């Protein structure tokens, strides 16, 4: 009985101590009298890559496939970027159009 009461008191003291630690405290203001000079990063620059527009065969909708020629005339396809043209060529070669 005495042991349980002692253990309960210890737990309550522990809870009080934890609650005191959780109280937010004010932080000091930073010093603005010195100018901030950021350091140059040590990481390598990222190399830009062309996006991959290849859609896996199992993710294509099989019943609603329409070719680009059906949706727009050949004059509108001339301004497309090279990556889109490459993708269309891949689809034509695979028979996905």
PDB file of N, CA and C in Angstrom:
ATOM      1  N   UNK A   1       0.819  -1.182   0.000  1.00  0.00           N
ATOM      2  CA  UNK A   1       0.000   0.000   0.000  1.00  0.00           C
ATOM      3  C   UNK A   1       0.870   1.256   0.000  1.00  0.00           C
ATOM      4  N   UNK A   2       1.812   1.278   0.928  1.00  0.00           N
ATOM      5  CA  UNK A   2       2.745   2.412   1.013  1.00  0.00           C
ATOM      6  C   UNK A   2       3.576   2.527  -0.267  1.00  0.00           C
ATOM      7  N   UNK A   3       3.936   1.399  -0.804  1.00  0.00           N
ATOM      8  CA  UNK A   3       4.752   1.357  -2.036  1.00  0.00           C
ATOM      9  C   UNK A   3       3.978   1.933  -3.226  1.00  0.00           C
ATOM     10  N   UNK A   4       2.705   1.585  -3.318  1.00  0.00           N
ATOM     11  CA  UNK A   4       1.869   2.093  -4.412  1.00  0.00           C
ATOM     12  C   UNK A   4       1.707   3.607  -4.315  1.00  0.00           C
ATOM     13  N   UNK A   5       1.513   4.103  -3.087  1.00  0.00           N
ATOM     14  CA  UNK A   5       1.353   5.530  -2.887  1.00  0.00           C
ATOM     15  C   UNK A   5       2.642   6.275  -3.243  1.00  0.00           C
ATOM     16  N   UNK A   6       3.773   5.687  -2.854  1.00  0.00           N
ATOM     17  CA  UNK A   6       5.079   6.280  -3.182  1.00  0.00           C
ATOM     18  C   UNK A   6       5.285   6.313  -4.700  1.00  0.00           C
ATOM     19  N   UNK A   7       4.902   5.247  -5.371  1.00  0.00           N
ATOM     20  CA  UNK A   7       5.038   5.170  -6.829  1.00  0.00           C
ATOM     21  C   UNK A   7       4.123   6.196  -7.510  1.00  0.00           C
ATOM     22  N   UNK A   8       2.918   6.376  -6.989  1.00  0.00           N
ATOM     23  CA  UNK A   8       1.987   7.358  -7.529  1.00  0.00           C
ATOM     24  C   UNK A   8       2.544   8.772  -7.382  1.00  0.00           C
ATOM     25  N   UNK A   9       3.138   9.076  -6.232  1.00  0.00           N
ATOM     26  CA  UNK A   9       3.735  10.386  -6.008  1.00  0.00           C
ATOM     27  C   UNK A   9       4.902  10.642  -6.973  1.00  0.00           C
ATOM     28  N   UNK A  10       5.708   9.614  -7.197  1.00  0.00           N
ATOM     29  CA  UNK A  10       6.830   9.742  -8.134  1.00  0.00           C
ATOM     30  C   UNK A  10       6.323  10.022  -9.549  1.00  0.00           C
ATOM     31  N   UNK A  11       5.270   9.336  -9.948  1.00  0.00           N
ATOM     32  CA  UNK A  11       4.694   9.556 -11.272  1.00  0.00           C
ATOM     33  C   UNK A  11       4.142  10.974 -11.401  1.00  0.00           C
ATOM     34  N   UNK A  12       3.484  11.461 -10.366  1.00  0.00           N
ATOM     35  CA  UNK A  12       2.947  12.821 -10.404  1.00  0.00           C
ATOM     36  C   UNK A  12       4.067  13.853 -10.480  1.00  0.00           C
ATOM     37  N   UNK A  13       5.139  13.634  -9.740  1.00  0.00           N
ATOM     38  CA  UNK A  13       6.284  14.547  -9.795  1.00  0.00           C
ATOM     39  C   UNK A  13       6.907  14.543 -11.192  1.00  0.00           C
ATOM     40  N   UNK A  14       6.975  13.372 -11.770  1.00  0.00           N
ATOM     41  CA  UNK A  14       7.530  13.244 -13.128  1.00  0.00           C
ATOM     42  C   UNK A  14       6.646  13.989 -14.134  1.00  0.00           C
ATOM     43  N   UNK A  15       5.344  13.878 -13.996  1.00  0.00           N
ATOM     44  CA  UNK A  15       4.410  14.566 -14.889  1.00  0.00           C
ATOM     45  C   UNK A  15       4.548  16.076 -14.729  1.00  0.00           C
ATOM     46  N   UNK A  16       4.664  16.562 -13.475  1.00  0.00           N
ATOM     47  CA  UNK A  16       4.851  17.994 -13.239  1.00  0.00           C
ATOM     48  C   UNK A  16       6.134  18.497 -13.890  1.00  0.00           C
ATOM     49  N   UNK A  17       7.199  17.727 -13.743  1.00  0.00           N
ATOM     50  CA  UNK A  17       8.487  18.121 -14.322  1.00  0.00           C
ATOM     51  C   UNK A  17       8.413  18.171 -15.849  1.00  0.00           C
ATOM     52  N   UNK A  18       7.750  17.182 -16.468  1.00  0.00           N
ATOM     53  CA  UNK A  18       7.611  17.162 -17.924  1.00  0.00           C
ATOM     54  C   UNK A  18       6.771  18.329 -18.427  1.00  0.00           C
ATOM     55  N   UNK A  19       5.725  18.677 -17.685  1.00  0.00           N
ATOM     56  CA  UNK A  19       4.882  19.801 -18.087  1.00  0.00           C
ATOM     57  C   UNK A  19       5.637  21.126 -18.015  1.00  0.00           C
ATOM     58  N   UNK A  20       6.505  21.263 -17.021  1.00  0.00           N
ATOM     59  CA  UNK A  20       7.311  22.468 -16.927  1.00  0.00           C
ATOM     60  C   UNK A  20       8.269  22.584 -18.107  1.00  0.00           C
ATOM     61  N   UNK A  21       8.803  21.463 -18.566  1.00  0.00           N
ATOM     62  CA  UNK A  21       9.731  21.476 -19.707  1.00  0.00           C
ATOM     63  C   UNK A  21       9.013  21.838 -21.004  1.00  0.00           C
ATOM     64  N   UNK A  22       7.720  21.530 -21.099  1.00  0.00           N
ATOM     65  CA  UNK A  22       6.978  21.773 -22.322  1.00  0.00           C
ATOM     66  C   UNK A  22       6.506  23.214 -22.473  1.00  0.00           C
ATOM     67  N   UNK A  23       6.640  24.022 -21.437  1.00  0.00           N
ATOM     68  CA  UNK A  23       6.211  25.419 -21.517  1.00  0.00           C
ATOM     69  C   UNK A  23       7.137  26.159 -22.476  1.00  0.00           C
ATOM     70  N   UNK A  24       6.578  26.824 -23.503  1.00  0.00           N
ATOM     71  CA  UNK A  24       7.430  27.539 -24.450  1.00  0.00           C
ATOM     72  C   UNK A  24       8.118  28.723 -23.774  1.00  0.00           C
ATOM     73  N   UNK A  25       9.369  28.912 -24.116  1.00  0.00           N
ATOM     74  CA  UNK A  25      10.140  30.004 -23.548  1.00  0.00           C
ATOM     75  C   UNK A  25      10.587  30.932 -24.667  1.00  0.00           C
ATOM     76  N   UNK A  26      10.735  32.209 -24.343  1.00  0.00           N
ATOM     77  CA  UNK A  26      11.142  33.198 -25.334  1.00  0.00           C
ATOM     78  C   UNK A  26      12.582  32.947 -25.770  1.00  0.00           C
ATOM     79  N   UNK A  27      12.840  33.200 -27.063  1.00  0.00           N
ATOM     80  CA  UNK A  27      14.196  33.070 -27.602  1.00  0.00           C
ATOM     81  C   UNK A  27      14.791  34.449 -27.790  1.00  0.00           C
ATOM     82  N   UNK A  28      16.091  34.531 -27.711  1.00  0.00           N
ATOM     83  CA  UNK A  28      16.777  35.796 -27.888  1.00  0.00           C
ATOM     84  C   UNK A  28      16.634  36.295 -29.318  1.00  0.00           C
ATOM     85  N   UNK A  29      16.596  37.602 -29.470  1.00  0.00           N
ATOM     86  CA  UNK A  29      16.558  38.202 -30.809  1.00  0.00           C
ATOM     87  C   UNK A  29      17.911  38.006 -31.480  1.00  0.00           C
ATOM     88  N   UNK A  30      17.916  37.706 -32.771  1.00  0.00           N
ATOM     89  CA  UNK A  30      19.204  37.565 -33.456  1.00  0.00           C
ATOM     90  C   UNK A  30      19.880  38.928 -33.615  1.00  0.00           C
ATOM     91  N   UNK A  31      21.196  38.893 -33.742  1.00  0.00           N
ATOM     92  CA  UNK A  31      21.963  40.123 -33.927  1.00  0.00           C
ATOM     93  C   UNK A  31      21.943  40.508 -35.400  1.00  0.00           C
ATOM     94  N   UNK A  32      21.490  41.721 -35.697  1.00  0.00           N
ATOM     95  CA  UNK A  32      21.432  42.198 -37.067  1.00  0.00           C
ATOM     96  C   UNK A  32      22.537  43.207 -37.369  1.00  0.00           C
ATOM     97  N   UNK A  33      23.458  43.394 -36.444  1.00  0.00           N
ATOM     98  CA  UNK A  33      24.510  44.365 -36.678  1.00  0.00           C
ATOM     99  C   UNK A  33      25.593  43.824 -37.620  1.00  0.00           C
ATOM    100  N   UNK A  34      25.661  42.510 -37.776  1.00  0.00           N
ATOM    101  CA  UNK A  34      26.609  41.902 -38.713  1.00  0.00           C
ATOM    102  C   UNK A  34      25.855  41.454 -39.964  1.00  0.00           C
ATOM    103  N   UNK A  35      26.394  41.713 -41.147  1.00  0.00           N
ATOM    104  CA  UNK A  35      25.696  41.280 -42.365  1.00  0.00           C
ATOM    105  C   UNK A  35      25.749  39.752 -42.501  1.00  0.00           C
ATOM    106  N   UNK A  36      24.667  39.205 -43.003  1.00  0.00           N
ATOM    107  CA  UNK A  36      24.602  37.757 -43.221  1.00  0.00           C
ATOM    108  C   UNK A  36      25.166  37.425 -44.592  1.00  0.00           C
ATOM    109  N   UNK A  37      26.167  36.553 -44.619  1.00  0.00           N
ATOM    110  CA  UNK A  37      26.770  36.121 -45.878  1.00  0.00           C
ATOM    111  C   UNK A  37      26.543  34.618 -45.991  1.00  0.00           C
ATOM    112  N   UNK A  38      25.656  34.193 -46.883  1.00  0.00           N
ATOM    113  CA  UNK A  38      25.404  32.750 -47.011  1.00  0.00           C
ATOM    114  C   UNK A  38      26.598  32.034 -47.622  1.00  0.00           C
ATOM    115  N   UNK A  39      26.805  30.809 -47.179  1.00  0.00           N
ATOM    116  CA  UNK A  39      27.904  30.013 -47.724  1.00  0.00           C
ATOM    117  C   UNK A  39      27.454  29.330 -49.011  1.00  0.00           C
ATOM    118  N   UNK A  40      28.379  29.114 -49.904  1.00  0.00           N
ATOM    119  CA  UNK A  40      28.086  28.426 -51.151  1.00  0.00           C
ATOM    120  C   UNK A  40      27.863  26.943 -50.843  1.00  0.00           C
ATOM    121  N   UNK A  41      26.908  26.367 -51.508  1.00  0.00           N
ATOM    122  CA  UNK A  41      26.565  24.971 -51.278  1.00  0.00           C
ATOM    123  C   UNK A  41      27.669  24.055 -51.798  1.00  0.00           C
ATOM    124  N   UNK A  42      27.833  22.939 -51.123  1.00  0.00           N
ATOM    125  CA  UNK A  42      28.833  21.940 -51.513  1.00  0.00           C
ATOM    126  C   UNK A  42      28.249  20.903 -52.475  1.00  0.00           C
ATOM    127  N   UNK A  43      26.936  20.925 -52.667  1.00  0.00           N
ATOM    128  CA  UNK A  43      26.293  19.922 -53.517  1.00  0.00           C
ATOM    129  C   UNK A  43      26.541  20.214 -54.990  1.00  0.00           C
ATOM    130  N   UNK A  44      26.518  19.152 -55.793  1.00  0.00           N
ATOM    131  CA  UNK A  44      26.658  19.284 -57.239  1.00  0.00           C
ATOM    132  C   UNK A  44      25.374  19.853 -57.831  1.00  0.00           C
ATOM    133  N   UNK A  45      25.493  20.543 -58.946  1.00  0.00           N
ATOM    134  CA  UNK A  45      24.319  21.058 -59.633  1.00  0.00           C
ATOM    135  C   UNK A  45      23.532  19.912 -60.252  1.00  0.00           C
ATOM    136  N   UNK A  46      22.227  20.068 -60.321  1.00  0.00           N
ATOM    137  CA  UNK A  46      21.413  19.029 -60.940  1.00  0.00           C
ATOM    138  C   UNK A  46      21.500  19.157 -62.453  1.00  0.00           C
ATOM    139  N   UNK A  47      21.499  18.031 -63.115  1.00  0.00           N
ATOM    140  CA  UNK A  47      21.578  18.001 -64.563  1.00  0.00           C
ATOM    141  C   UNK A  47      20.155  17.882 -65.104  1.00  0.00           C
ATOM    142  N   UNK A  48      19.703  18.834 -65.920  1.00  0.00           N
ATOM    143  CA  UNK A  48      18.333  18.749 -66.434  1.00  0.00           C
ATOM    144  C   UNK A  48      18.180  17.580 -67.398  1.00  0.00           C
ATOM    145  N   UNK A  49      17.062  16.885 -67.291  1.00  0.00           N
ATOM    146  CA  UNK A  49      16.766  15.772 -68.187  1.00  0.00           C
ATOM    147  C   UNK A  49      15.434  16.007 -68.848  1.00  0.00           C
ATOM    148  N   UNK A  50      15.282  15.442 -70.011  1.00  0.00           N
ATOM    149  CA  UNK A  50      14.012  15.547 -70.716  1.00  0.00           C
ATOM    150  C   UNK A  50      13.030  14.576 -70.076  1.00  0.00           C
ATOM    151  N   UNK A  51      11.791  14.975 -69.882  1.00  0.00           N
ATOM    152  CA  UNK A  51      10.829  14.089 -69.230  1.00  0.00           C
ATOM    153  C   UNK A  51      10.497  12.874 -70.091  1.00  0.00           C
ATOM    154  N   UNK A  52      10.159  11.796 -69.420  1.00  0.00           N
ATOM    155  CA  UNK A  52       9.786  10.564 -70.122  1.00  0.00           C
ATOM    156  C   UNK A  52       8.269  10.507 -70.183  1.00  0.00           C
ATOM    157  N   UNK A  53       7.742  10.585 -71.385  1.00  0.00           N
ATOM    158  CA  UNK A  53       6.299  10.548 -71.572  1.00  0.00           C
ATOM    159  C   UNK A  53       5.805   9.154 -71.943  1.00  0.00           C
ATOM    160  N   UNK A  54       6.648   8.175 -71.801  1.00  0.00           N
ATOM    161  CA  UNK A  54       6.263   6.813 -72.163  1.00  0.00           C
ATOM    162  C   UNK A  54       5.305   6.268 -71.103  1.00  0.00           C
ATOM    163  N   UNK A  55       4.122   5.896 -71.519  1.00  0.00           N
ATOM    164  CA  UNK A  55       3.123   5.336 -70.616  1.00  0.00           C
ATOM    165  C   UNK A  55       3.199   3.816 -70.750  1.00  0.00           C
ATOM    166  N   UNK A  56       3.355   3.108 -69.641  1.00  0.00           N
ATOM    167  CA  UNK A  56       3.401   1.644 -69.725  1.00  0.00           C
ATOM    168  C   UNK A  56       2.125   1.098 -70.351  1.00  0.00           C
ATOM    169  N   UNK A  57       2.258   0.002 -71.039  1.00  0.00           N
ATOM    170  CA  UNK A  57       1.148  -0.582 -71.794  1.00  0.00           C
ATOM    171  C   UNK A  57      -0.029  -0.964 -70.893  1.00  0.00           C
ATOM    172  N   UNK A  58       0.265  -1.433 -69.675  1.00  0.00           N
ATOM    173  CA  UNK A  58      -0.817  -1.867 -68.786  1.00  0.00           C
ATOM    174  C   UNK A  58      -1.593  -0.685 -68.202  1.00  0.00           C
ATOM    175  N   UNK A  59      -1.081   0.550 -68.340  1.00  0.00           N
ATOM    176  CA  UNK A  59      -1.782   1.712 -67.806  1.00  0.00           C
ATOM    177  C   UNK A  59      -2.590   2.457 -68.864  1.00  0.00           C
ATOM    178  N   UNK A  60      -2.529   2.037 -70.110  1.00  0.00           N
ATOM    179  CA  UNK A  60      -3.275   2.726 -71.153  1.00  0.00           C
ATOM    180  C   UNK A  60      -4.720   2.246 -71.162  1.00  0.00           C
ATOM    181  N   UNK A  61      -5.612   3.113 -71.590  1.00  0.00           N
ATOM    182  CA  UNK A  61      -7.023   2.750 -71.721  1.00  0.00           C
ATOM    183  C   UNK A  61      -7.193   2.154 -73.115  1.00  0.00           C
ATOM    184  N   UNK A  62      -7.615   0.940 -73.181  1.00  0.00           N
ATOM    185  CA  UNK A  62      -7.630   0.229 -74.460  1.00  0.00           C
ATOM    186  C   UNK A  62      -8.853   0.556 -75.302  1.00  0.00           C
ATOM    187  N   UNK A  63      -9.978   0.907 -74.675  1.00  0.00           N
ATOM    188  CA  UNK A  63     -11.197   1.100 -75.451  1.00  0.00           C
ATOM    189  C   UNK A  63     -11.300   2.510 -76.030  1.00  0.00           C
ATOM    190  N   UNK A  64     -10.580   3.466 -75.510  1.00  0.00           N
ATOM    191  CA  UNK A  64     -10.757   4.854 -75.917  1.00  0.00           C
ATOM    192  C   UNK A  64      -9.527   5.417 -76.626  1.00  0.00           C
ATOM    193  N   UNK A  65      -8.725   4.600 -77.264  1.00  0.00           N
ATOM    194  CA  UNK A  65      -7.523   5.090 -77.931  1.00  0.00           C
ATOM    195  C   UNK A  65      -7.886   5.850 -79.179  1.00  0.00           C
ATOM    196  N   UNK A  66      -7.438   7.097 -79.279  1.00  0.00           N
ATOM    197  CA  UNK A  66      -7.622   7.904 -80.476  1.00  0.00           C
ATOM    198  C   UNK A  66      -6.259   8.412 -80.902  1.00  0.00           C
ATOM    199  N   UNK A  67      -6.042   8.470 -82.154  1.00  0.00           N
ATOM    200  CA  UNK A  67      -4.761   8.974 -82.628  1.00  0.00           C
ATOM    201  C   UNK A  67      -4.741  10.489 -82.560  1.00  0.00           C
ATOM    202  N   UNK A  68      -3.549  11.061 -82.547  1.00  0.00           N
ATOM    203  CA  UNK A  68      -3.420  12.523 -82.515  1.00  0.00           C
ATOM    204  C   UNK A  68      -3.933  13.124 -83.809  1.00  0.00           C
ATOM    205  N   UNK A  69      -3.853  12.392 -84.907  1.00  0.00           N
ATOM    206  CA  UNK A  69      -4.336  12.900 -86.190  1.00  0.00           C
ATOM    207  C   UNK A  69      -5.855  13.034 -86.197  1.00  0.00           C
ATOM    208  N   UNK A  70      -6.555  12.199 -85.424  1.00  0.00           N
ATOM    209  CA  UNK A  70      -8.008  12.294 -85.354  1.00  0.00           C
ATOM    210  C   UNK A  70      -8.444  13.534 -84.582  1.00  0.00           C
ATOM    211  N   UNK A  71      -7.663  13.921 -83.575  1.00  0.00           N
ATOM    212  CA  UNK A  71      -8.050  15.043 -82.720  1.00  0.00           C
ATOM    213  C   UNK A  71      -7.668  16.385 -83.326  1.00  0.00           C
ATOM    214  N   UNK A  72      -6.565  16.459 -84.033  1.00  0.00           N
ATOM    215  CA  UNK A  72      -6.142  17.737 -84.597  1.00  0.00           C
ATOM    216  C   UNK A  72      -5.489  17.490 -85.952  1.00  0.00           C
ATOM    217  N   UNK A  73      -5.493  18.515 -86.771  1.00  0.00           N
ATOM    218  CA  UNK A  73      -4.927  18.386 -88.110  1.00  0.00           C
ATOM    219  C   UNK A  73      -3.411  18.345 -88.083  1.00  0.00           C
ATOM    220  N   UNK A  74      -2.787  17.960 -89.208  1.00  0.00           N
ATOM    221  CA  UNK A  74      -1.327  17.865 -89.250  1.00  0.00           C
ATOM    222  C   UNK A  74      -0.653  19.228 -89.104  1.00  0.00           C
ATOM    223  N   UNK A  75      -1.343  20.332 -89.429  1.00  0.00           N
ATOM    224  CA  UNK A  75      -0.737  21.649 -89.292  1.00  0.00           C
ATOM    225  C   UNK A  75      -0.524  22.008 -87.827  1.00  0.00           C
ATOM    226  N   UNK A  76      -1.372  21.498 -86.934  1.00  0.00           N
ATOM    227  CA  UNK A  76      -1.231  21.807 -85.515  1.00  0.00           C
ATOM    228  C   UNK A  76      -0.149  20.970 -84.853  1.00  0.00           C
ATOM    229  N   UNK A  77       0.230  19.868 -85.466  1.00  0.00           N
ATOM    230  CA  UNK A  77       1.260  19.014 -84.880  1.00  0.00           C
ATOM    231  C   UNK A  77       2.672  19.500 -85.195  1.00  0.00           C
ATOM    232  N   UNK A  78       2.846  20.443 -86.078  1.00  0.00           N
ATOM    233  CA  UNK A  78       4.184  20.882 -86.474  1.00  0.00           C
ATOM    234  C   UNK A  78       4.869  21.684 -85.385  1.00  0.00           C
ATOM    235  N   UNK A  79       4.135  22.341 -84.522  1.00  0.00           N
ATOM    236  CA  UNK A  79       4.739  23.170 -83.490  1.00  0.00           C
ATOM    237  C   UNK A  79       5.078  22.390 -82.222  1.00  0.00           C
ATOM    238  N   UNK A  80       4.811  21.079 -82.155  1.00  0.00           N
ATOM    239  CA  UNK A  80       5.049  20.301 -80.953  1.00  0.00           C
ATOM    240  C   UNK A  80       6.545  20.139 -80.698  1.00  0.00           C
ATOM    241  N   UNK A  81       6.972  20.077 -79.438  1.00  0.00           N
ATOM    242  CA  UNK A  81       8.386  19.865 -79.127  1.00  0.00           C
ATOM    243  C   UNK A  81       8.855  18.490 -79.566  1.00  0.00           C
ATOM    244  N   UNK A  82      10.150  18.340 -79.616  1.00  0.00           N
ATOM    245  CA  UNK A  82      10.726  17.091 -80.115  1.00  0.00           C
ATOM    246  C   UNK A  82      10.391  15.912 -79.210  1.00  0.00           C
ATOM    247  N   UNK A  83      10.268  16.130 -77.892  1.00  0.00           N
ATOM    248  CA  UNK A  83       9.973  15.010 -76.998  1.00  0.00           C
ATOM    249  C   UNK A  83       8.592  14.429 -77.285  1.00  0.00           C
ATOM    250  N   UNK A  84       7.631  15.275 -77.633  1.00  0.00           N
ATOM    251  CA  UNK A  84       6.292  14.785 -77.948  1.00  0.00           C
ATOM    252  C   UNK A  84       6.322  14.010 -79.258  1.00  0.00           C
ATOM    253  N   UNK A  85       7.080  14.520 -80.220  1.00  0.00           N
ATOM    254  CA  UNK A  85       7.185  13.809 -81.499  1.00  0.00           C
ATOM    255  C   UNK A  85       7.823  12.443 -81.302  1.00  0.00           C
ATOM    256  N   UNK A  86       8.836  12.379 -80.436  1.00  0.00           N
ATOM    257  CA  UNK A  86       9.476  11.092 -80.156  1.00  0.00           C
ATOM    258  C   UNK A  86       8.481  10.132 -79.513  1.00  0.00           C
ATOM    259  N   UNK A  87       7.671  10.660 -78.611  1.00  0.00           N
ATOM    260  CA  UNK A  87       6.686   9.818 -77.939  1.00  0.00           C
ATOM    261  C   UNK A  87       5.657   9.298 -78.922  1.00  0.00           C
ATOM    262  N   UNK A  88       5.220  10.156 -79.832  1.00  0.00           N
ATOM    263  CA  UNK A  88       4.256   9.715 -80.840  1.00  0.00           C
ATOM    264  C   UNK A  88       4.860   8.637 -81.722  1.00  0.00           C
ATOM    265  N   UNK A  89       6.134   8.803 -82.066  1.00  0.00           N
ATOM    266  CA  UNK A  89       6.785   7.793 -82.887  1.00  0.00           C
ATOM    267  C   UNK A  89       6.859   6.460 -82.146  1.00  0.00           C
ATOM    268  N   UNK A  90       7.147   6.518 -80.836  1.00  0.00           N
ATOM    269  CA  UNK A  90       7.181   5.282 -80.053  1.00  0.00           C
ATOM    270  C   UNK A  90       5.818   4.611 -80.043  1.00  0.00           C
ATOM    271  N   UNK A  91       4.756   5.406 -79.864  1.00  0.00           N
ATOM    272  CA  UNK A  91       3.422   4.827 -79.860  1.00  0.00           C
ATOM    273  C   UNK A  91       3.067   4.213 -81.200  1.00  0.00           C
ATOM    274  N   UNK A  92       3.473   4.864 -82.287  1.00  0.00           N
ATOM    275  CA  UNK A  92       3.188   4.306 -83.613  1.00  0.00           C
ATOM    276  C   UNK A  92       3.914   2.984 -83.813  1.00  0.00           C
ATOM    277  N   UNK A  93       5.187   2.922 -83.342  1.00  0.00           N
ATOM    278  CA  UNK A  93       5.970   1.698 -83.487  1.00  0.00           C
ATOM    279  C   UNK A  93       5.387   0.552 -82.655  1.00  0.00           C
ATOM    280  N   UNK A  94       4.829   0.893 -81.508  1.00  0.00           N
ATOM    281  CA  UNK A  94       4.271  -0.142 -80.627  1.00  0.00           C
ATOM    282  C   UNK A  94       2.827  -0.479 -80.975  1.00  0.00           C
ATOM    283  N   UNK A  95       2.225   0.319 -81.821  1.00  0.00           N
ATOM    284  CA  UNK A  95       0.837   0.078 -82.202  1.00  0.00           C
ATOM    285  C   UNK A  95      -0.149   0.492 -81.123  1.00  0.00           C
ATOM    286  N   UNK A  96       0.191   1.514 -80.353  1.00  0.00           N
ATOM    287  CA  UNK A  96      -0.680   1.936 -79.259  1.00  0.00           C
ATOM    288  C   UNK A  96      -1.616   3.068 -79.669  1.00  0.00           C
ATOM    289  N   UNK A  97      -1.496   3.566 -80.864  1.00  0.00           N
ATOM    290  CA  UNK A  97      -2.296   4.716 -81.242  1.00  0.00           C
ATOM    291  C   UNK A  97      -3.666   4.390 -81.644  1.00  0.00           C
TER     292      UNK A  97
END
